[in-house]
Amino acid sequence: MEKVLIDKISMDIINYNNLNNYSLGNVFNIIMNKYNIDNINKDKVMVKVISTISEYGYDIVSTHPLILKKYK
C-alpha cells in the first residue's frame, strides 16, 4: 500500500463534511469508492488510515457519527 494513497484517504476523511452524520465505516467506504480500488484488504487500509489521521494531529472522538477533533 502506497503511503501517498493512505495520506490522500486520510486527508479526505479529515476534510469530509459529515452533514449526514455517517459513521467512520460509512465515511471510509465513501472515500474508498472514490479511489475505485479493488483487490485490497480494506481492514489493513483502515488501520493505516486511522494511524495517519492521528499523526496529522486528530483524535477520533466518536465513530458513530464520525467526529474528529484536532489536538495538535
PDB file of N, CA and C in Angstrom:
ATOM      1  N   MET A   1       0.856  -1.188   0.000  1.00  0.00           N
ATOM      2  CA  MET A   1       0.000   0.000   0.000  1.00  0.00           C
ATOM      3  C   MET A   1       0.885   1.229   0.000  1.00  0.00           C
ATOM      4  N   GLU A   2       0.648   2.078  -0.950  1.00  0.00           N
ATOM      5  CA  GLU A   2       1.453   3.291  -1.067  1.00  0.00           C
ATOM      6  C   GLU A   2       1.089   4.296   0.009  1.00  0.00           C
ATOM      7  N   LYS A   3       2.119   4.880   0.604  1.00  0.00           N
ATOM      8  CA  LYS A   3       1.931   5.903   1.635  1.00  0.00           C
ATOM      9  C   LYS A   3       1.152   7.093   1.084  1.00  0.00           C
ATOM     10  N   VAL A   4       1.390   7.437  -0.176  1.00  0.00           N
ATOM     11  CA  VAL A   4       0.703   8.572  -0.794  1.00  0.00           C
ATOM     12  C   VAL A   4      -0.802   8.342  -0.801  1.00  0.00           C
ATOM     13  N   LEU A   5      -1.226   7.136  -1.140  1.00  0.00           N
ATOM     14  CA  LEU A   5      -2.654   6.818  -1.169  1.00  0.00           C
ATOM     15  C   LEU A   5      -3.249   6.866   0.241  1.00  0.00           C
ATOM     16  N   ILE A   6      -2.545   6.337   1.218  1.00  0.00           N
ATOM     17  CA  ILE A   6      -3.005   6.382   2.604  1.00  0.00           C
ATOM     18  C   ILE A   6      -3.158   7.836   3.045  1.00  0.00           C
ATOM     19  N   ASP A   7      -2.185   8.681   2.681  1.00  0.00           N
ATOM     20  CA  ASP A   7      -2.261  10.109   3.026  1.00  0.00           C
ATOM     21  C   ASP A   7      -3.477  10.769   2.383  1.00  0.00           C
ATOM     22  N   LYS A   8      -3.737  10.455   1.115  1.00  0.00           N
ATOM     23  CA  LYS A   8      -4.888  11.042   0.414  1.00  0.00           C
ATOM     24  C   LYS A   8      -6.205  10.624   1.066  1.00  0.00           C
ATOM     25  N   ILE A   9      -6.329   9.351   1.368  1.00  0.00           N
ATOM     26  CA  ILE A   9      -7.548   8.846   2.001  1.00  0.00           C
ATOM     27  C   ILE A   9      -7.722   9.497   3.372  1.00  0.00           C
ATOM     28  N   SER A  10      -6.636   9.590   4.127  1.00  0.00           N
ATOM     29  CA  SER A  10      -6.687  10.201   5.459  1.00  0.00           C
ATOM     30  C   SER A  10      -7.128  11.655   5.384  1.00  0.00           C
ATOM     31  N   MET A  11      -6.549  12.413   4.470  1.00  0.00           N
ATOM     32  CA  MET A  11      -6.912  13.827   4.329  1.00  0.00           C
ATOM     33  C   MET A  11      -8.361  13.977   3.874  1.00  0.00           C
ATOM     34  N   ASP A  12      -8.807  13.086   3.002  1.00  0.00           N
ATOM     35  CA  ASP A  12     -10.209  13.127   2.562  1.00  0.00           C
ATOM     36  C   ASP A  12     -11.157  12.888   3.740  1.00  0.00           C
ATOM     37  N   ILE A  13     -10.799  11.973   4.620  1.00  0.00           N
ATOM     38  CA  ILE A  13     -11.633  11.712   5.794  1.00  0.00           C
ATOM     39  C   ILE A  13     -11.601  12.914   6.742  1.00  0.00           C
ATOM     40  N   ILE A  14     -10.420  13.485   6.956  1.00  0.00           N
ATOM     41  CA  ILE A  14     -10.297  14.666   7.824  1.00  0.00           C
ATOM     42  C   ILE A  14     -11.147  15.814   7.283  1.00  0.00           C
ATOM     43  N   ASN A  15     -11.137  15.991   5.979  1.00  0.00           N
ATOM     44  CA  ASN A  15     -11.846  17.118   5.359  1.00  0.00           C
ATOM     45  C   ASN A  15     -13.291  16.810   4.979  1.00  0.00           C
ATOM     46  N   TYR A  16     -13.753  15.591   5.253  1.00  0.00           N
ATOM     47  CA  TYR A  16     -15.100  15.191   4.870  1.00  0.00           C
ATOM     48  C   TYR A  16     -16.139  15.987   5.664  1.00  0.00           C
ATOM     49  N   ASN A  17     -17.078  16.577   4.962  1.00  0.00           N
ATOM     50  CA  ASN A  17     -18.153  17.344   5.592  1.00  0.00           C
ATOM     51  C   ASN A  17     -19.286  16.374   5.922  1.00  0.00           C
ATOM     52  N   ASN A  18     -19.307  15.908   7.148  1.00  0.00           N
ATOM     53  CA  ASN A  18     -20.209  14.835   7.557  1.00  0.00           C
ATOM     54  C   ASN A  18     -21.584  15.368   7.971  1.00  0.00           C
ATOM     55  N   LEU A  19     -22.257  16.024   7.039  1.00  0.00           N
ATOM     56  CA  LEU A  19     -23.571  16.597   7.324  1.00  0.00           C
ATOM     57  C   LEU A  19     -24.629  15.542   7.625  1.00  0.00           C
ATOM     58  N   ASN A  20     -24.442  14.344   7.086  1.00  0.00           N
ATOM     59  CA  ASN A  20     -25.421  13.269   7.284  1.00  0.00           C
ATOM     60  C   ASN A  20     -25.103  12.398   8.498  1.00  0.00           C
ATOM     61  N   ASN A  21     -24.093  12.790   9.268  1.00  0.00           N
ATOM     62  CA  ASN A  21     -23.705  12.053  10.477  1.00  0.00           C
ATOM     63  C   ASN A  21     -23.400  10.581  10.218  1.00  0.00           C
ATOM     64  N   TYR A  22     -22.645  10.325   9.159  1.00  0.00           N
ATOM     65  CA  TYR A  22     -22.236   8.958   8.852  1.00  0.00           C
ATOM     66  C   TYR A  22     -21.208   8.466   9.870  1.00  0.00           C
ATOM     67  N   SER A  23     -21.140   7.159  10.011  1.00  0.00           N
ATOM     68  CA  SER A  23     -20.149   6.545  10.898  1.00  0.00           C
ATOM     69  C   SER A  23     -18.787   6.536  10.209  1.00  0.00           C
ATOM     70  N   LEU A  24     -17.757   6.222  10.981  1.00  0.00           N
ATOM     71  CA  LEU A  24     -16.408   6.102  10.426  1.00  0.00           C
ATOM     72  C   LEU A  24     -16.391   5.097   9.283  1.00  0.00           C
ATOM     73  N   GLY A  25     -17.048   3.969   9.463  1.00  0.00           N
ATOM     74  CA  GLY A  25     -17.089   2.938   8.422  1.00  0.00           C
ATOM     75  C   GLY A  25     -17.735   3.437   7.144  1.00  0.00           C
ATOM     76  N   ASN A  26     -18.838   4.162   7.269  1.00  0.00           N
ATOM     77  CA  ASN A  26     -19.519   4.693   6.087  1.00  0.00           C
ATOM     78  C   ASN A  26     -18.651   5.711   5.357  1.00  0.00           C
ATOM     79  N   VAL A  27     -18.050   6.641   6.117  1.00  0.00           N
ATOM     80  CA  VAL A  27     -17.198   7.661   5.504  1.00  0.00           C
ATOM     81  C   VAL A  27     -16.006   6.990   4.827  1.00  0.00           C
ATOM     82  N   PHE A  28     -15.408   6.009   5.493  1.00  0.00           N
ATOM     83  CA  PHE A  28     -14.272   5.276   4.925  1.00  0.00           C
ATOM     84  C   PHE A  28     -14.668   4.622   3.605  1.00  0.00           C
ATOM     85  N   ASN A  29     -15.820   3.966   3.566  1.00  0.00           N
ATOM     86  CA  ASN A  29     -16.271   3.312   2.332  1.00  0.00           C
ATOM     87  C   ASN A  29     -16.557   4.320   1.222  1.00  0.00           C
ATOM     88  N   ILE A  30     -17.135   5.465   1.564  1.00  0.00           N
ATOM     89  CA  ILE A  30     -17.395   6.516   0.568  1.00  0.00           C
ATOM     90  C   ILE A  30     -16.081   6.970  -0.054  1.00  0.00           C
ATOM     91  N   ILE A  31     -15.080   7.211   0.789  1.00  0.00           N
ATOM     92  CA  ILE A  31     -13.777   7.668   0.298  1.00  0.00           C
ATOM     93  C   ILE A  31     -13.096   6.567  -0.513  1.00  0.00           C
ATOM     94  N   MET A  32     -13.141   5.340  -0.032  1.00  0.00           N
ATOM     95  CA  MET A  32     -12.510   4.233  -0.771  1.00  0.00           C
ATOM     96  C   MET A  32     -13.148   4.066  -2.146  1.00  0.00           C
ATOM     97  N   ASN A  33     -14.460   4.218  -2.234  1.00  0.00           N
ATOM     98  CA  ASN A  33     -15.145   4.102  -3.526  1.00  0.00           C
ATOM     99  C   ASN A  33     -14.700   5.200  -4.482  1.00  0.00           C
ATOM    100  N   LYS A  34     -14.366   6.351  -3.951  1.00  0.00           N
ATOM    101  CA  LYS A  34     -13.877   7.470  -4.764  1.00  0.00           C
ATOM    102  C   LYS A  34     -12.606   7.075  -5.523  1.00  0.00           C
ATOM    103  N   TYR A  35     -11.753   6.290  -4.879  1.00  0.00           N
ATOM    104  CA  TYR A  35     -10.486   5.881  -5.499  1.00  0.00           C
ATOM    105  C   TYR A  35     -10.611   4.600  -6.314  1.00  0.00           C
ATOM    106  N   ASN A  36     -11.780   3.946  -6.259  1.00  0.00           N
ATOM    107  CA  ASN A  36     -12.062   2.769  -7.081  1.00  0.00           C
ATOM    108  C   ASN A  36     -10.939   1.723  -6.989  1.00  0.00           C
ATOM    109  N   ILE A  37     -10.641   1.327  -5.775  1.00  0.00           N
ATOM    110  CA  ILE A  37      -9.558   0.377  -5.529  1.00  0.00           C
ATOM    111  C   ILE A  37     -10.149  -1.017  -5.352  1.00  0.00           C
ATOM    112  N   ASP A  38      -9.628  -1.968  -6.103  1.00  0.00           N
ATOM    113  CA  ASP A  38     -10.060  -3.361  -5.986  1.00  0.00           C
ATOM    114  C   ASP A  38      -8.911  -4.208  -5.449  1.00  0.00           C
ATOM    115  N   ASN A  39      -9.238  -5.406  -5.017  1.00  0.00           N
ATOM    116  CA  ASN A  39      -8.245  -6.375  -4.550  1.00  0.00           C
ATOM    117  C   ASN A  39      -7.328  -5.803  -3.483  1.00  0.00           C
ATOM    118  N   ILE A  40      -7.923  -5.210  -2.470  1.00  0.00           N
ATOM    119  CA  ILE A  40      -7.144  -4.617  -1.387  1.00  0.00           C
ATOM    120  C   ILE A  40      -7.806  -4.993  -0.067  1.00  0.00           C
ATOM    121  N   ASN A  41      -7.000  -5.213   0.945  1.00  0.00           N
ATOM    122  CA  ASN A  41      -7.528  -5.539   2.261  1.00  0.00           C
ATOM    123  C   ASN A  41      -7.944  -4.239   2.948  1.00  0.00           C
ATOM    124  N   LYS A  42      -9.237  -3.973   2.949  1.00  0.00           N
ATOM    125  CA  LYS A  42      -9.745  -2.704   3.490  1.00  0.00           C
ATOM    126  C   LYS A  42      -9.485  -2.571   4.985  1.00  0.00           C
ATOM    127  N   ASP A  43      -9.432  -3.677   5.703  1.00  0.00           N
ATOM    128  CA  ASP A  43      -9.159  -3.613   7.143  1.00  0.00           C
ATOM    129  C   ASP A  43      -7.752  -3.066   7.399  1.00  0.00           C
ATOM    130  N   LYS A  44      -6.773  -3.540   6.623  1.00  0.00           N
ATOM    131  CA  LYS A  44      -5.398  -3.050   6.774  1.00  0.00           C
ATOM    132  C   LYS A  44      -5.312  -1.576   6.398  1.00  0.00           C
ATOM    133  N   VAL A  45      -6.018  -1.198   5.348  1.00  0.00           N
ATOM    134  CA  VAL A  45      -6.016   0.203   4.923  1.00  0.00           C
ATOM    135  C   VAL A  45      -6.623   1.068   6.016  1.00  0.00           C
ATOM    136  N   MET A  46      -7.732   0.620   6.600  1.00  0.00           N
ATOM    137  CA  MET A  46      -8.385   1.413   7.637  1.00  0.00           C
ATOM    138  C   MET A  46      -7.461   1.614   8.835  1.00  0.00           C
ATOM    139  N   VAL A  47      -6.747   0.582   9.247  1.00  0.00           N
ATOM    140  CA  VAL A  47      -5.812   0.707  10.374  1.00  0.00           C
ATOM    141  C   VAL A  47      -4.736   1.739  10.053  1.00  0.00           C
ATOM    142  N   LYS A  48      -4.190   1.679   8.842  1.00  0.00           N
ATOM    143  CA  LYS A  48      -3.162   2.641   8.440  1.00  0.00           C
ATOM    144  C   LYS A  48      -3.727   4.056   8.357  1.00  0.00           C
ATOM    145  N   VAL A  49      -4.932   4.189   7.873  1.00  0.00           N
ATOM    146  CA  VAL A  49      -5.583   5.500   7.763  1.00  0.00           C
ATOM    147  C   VAL A  49      -5.828   6.082   9.154  1.00  0.00           C
ATOM    148  N   ILE A  50      -6.305   5.280  10.076  1.00  0.00           N
ATOM    149  CA  ILE A  50      -6.551   5.761  11.440  1.00  0.00           C
ATOM    150  C   ILE A  50      -5.244   6.225  12.082  1.00  0.00           C
ATOM    151  N   SER A  51      -4.171   5.474  11.873  1.00  0.00           N
ATOM    152  CA  SER A  51      -2.860   5.884  12.393  1.00  0.00           C
ATOM    153  C   SER A  51      -2.406   7.196  11.772  1.00  0.00           C
ATOM    154  N   THR A  52      -2.625   7.339  10.478  1.00  0.00           N
ATOM    155  CA  THR A  52      -2.223   8.556   9.777  1.00  0.00           C
ATOM    156  C   THR A  52      -3.037   9.752  10.246  1.00  0.00           C
ATOM    157  N   ILE A  53      -4.327   9.562  10.455  1.00  0.00           N
ATOM    158  CA  ILE A  53      -5.173  10.641  10.973  1.00  0.00           C
ATOM    159  C   ILE A  53      -4.618  11.116  12.320  1.00  0.00           C
ATOM    160  N   SER A  54      -4.193  10.181  13.148  1.00  0.00           N
ATOM    161  CA  SER A  54      -3.602  10.521  14.443  1.00  0.00           C
ATOM    162  C   SER A  54      -2.280  11.270  14.256  1.00  0.00           C
ATOM    163  N   GLU A  55      -1.460  10.832  13.305  1.00  0.00           N
ATOM    164  CA  GLU A  55      -0.190  11.511  13.021  1.00  0.00           C
ATOM    165  C   GLU A  55      -0.421  12.952  12.585  1.00  0.00           C
ATOM    166  N   TYR A  56      -1.538  13.210  11.920  1.00  0.00           N
ATOM    167  CA  TYR A  56      -1.872  14.564  11.479  1.00  0.00           C
ATOM    168  C   TYR A  56      -2.437  15.413  12.625  1.00  0.00           C
ATOM    169  N   GLY A  57      -2.556  14.835  13.813  1.00  0.00           N
ATOM    170  CA  GLY A  57      -2.973  15.599  14.981  1.00  0.00           C
ATOM    171  C   GLY A  57      -4.453  15.575  15.270  1.00  0.00           C
ATOM    172  N   TYR A  58      -5.136  14.531  14.855  1.00  0.00           N
ATOM    173  CA  TYR A  58      -6.580  14.422  15.106  1.00  0.00           C
ATOM    174  C   TYR A  58      -6.884  13.202  15.955  1.00  0.00           C
ATOM    175  N   ASP A  59      -7.850  13.374  16.853  1.00  0.00           N
ATOM    176  CA  ASP A  59      -8.409  12.264  17.610  1.00  0.00           C
ATOM    177  C   ASP A  59      -9.774  11.931  17.021  1.00  0.00           C
ATOM    178  N   ILE A  60     -10.107  10.653  17.020  1.00  0.00           N
ATOM    179  CA  ILE A  60     -11.459  10.249  16.641  1.00  0.00           C
ATOM    180  C   ILE A  60     -12.266  10.269  17.931  1.00  0.00           C
ATOM    181  N   VAL A  61     -13.082  11.304  18.087  1.00  0.00           N
ATOM    182  CA  VAL A  61     -13.876  11.497  19.301  1.00  0.00           C
ATOM    183  C   VAL A  61     -15.048  10.530  19.317  1.00  0.00           C
ATOM    184  N   SER A  62     -15.636  10.296  18.148  1.00  0.00           N
ATOM    185  CA  SER A  62     -16.770   9.387  18.023  1.00  0.00           C
ATOM    186  C   SER A  62     -16.682   8.694  16.673  1.00  0.00           C
ATOM    187  N   THR A  63     -17.060   7.407  16.657  1.00  0.00           N
ATOM    188  CA  THR A  63     -17.070   6.688  15.381  1.00  0.00           C
ATOM    189  C   THR A  63     -18.464   6.670  14.761  1.00  0.00           C
ATOM    190  N   HIS A  64     -19.489   6.927  15.573  1.00  0.00           N
ATOM    191  CA  HIS A  64     -20.849   6.981  15.026  1.00  0.00           C
ATOM    192  C   HIS A  64     -21.662   8.037  15.756  1.00  0.00           C
ATOM    193  N   PRO A  65     -21.839   9.194  15.197  1.00  0.00           N
ATOM    194  CA  PRO A  65     -21.299   9.639  13.909  1.00  0.00           C
ATOM    195  C   PRO A  65     -19.810   9.951  14.036  1.00  0.00           C
ATOM    196  N   LEU A  66     -19.145   9.991  12.905  1.00  0.00           N
ATOM    197  CA  LEU A  66     -17.715  10.292  12.873  1.00  0.00           C
ATOM    198  C   LEU A  66     -17.498  11.739  13.296  1.00  0.00           C
ATOM    199  N   ILE A  67     -16.740  11.903  14.363  1.00  0.00           N
ATOM    200  CA  ILE A  67     -16.370  13.240  14.832  1.00  0.00           C
ATOM    201  C   ILE A  67     -14.865  13.225  15.106  1.00  0.00           C
ATOM    202  N   LEU A  68     -14.150  14.137  14.466  1.00  0.00           N
ATOM    203  CA  LEU A  68     -12.712  14.301  14.674  1.00  0.00           C
ATOM    204  C   LEU A  68     -12.460  15.585  15.433  1.00  0.00           C
ATOM    205  N   LYS A  69     -11.406  15.589  16.232  1.00  0.00           N
ATOM    206  CA  LYS A  69     -11.028  16.796  16.959  1.00  0.00           C
ATOM    207  C   LYS A  69      -9.518  16.972  16.843  1.00  0.00           C
ATOM    208  N   LYS A  70      -9.099  18.170  16.447  1.00  0.00           N
ATOM    209  CA  LYS A  70      -7.673  18.452  16.311  1.00  0.00           C
ATOM    210  C   LYS A  70      -7.081  18.654  17.698  1.00  0.00           C
ATOM    211  N   TYR A  71      -5.969  17.982  17.988  1.00  0.00           N
ATOM    212  CA  TYR A  71      -5.332  18.134  19.296  1.00  0.00           C
ATOM    213  C   TYR A  71      -3.944  18.730  19.209  1.00  0.00           C
ATOM    214  N   LYS A  72      -3.357  18.831  18.027  1.00  0.00           N
ATOM    215  CA  LYS A  72      -2.028  19.442  17.869  1.00  0.00           C
ATOM    216  C   LYS A  72      -2.142  20.809  17.272  1.00  0.00           C
TER     217      LYS A  72
END
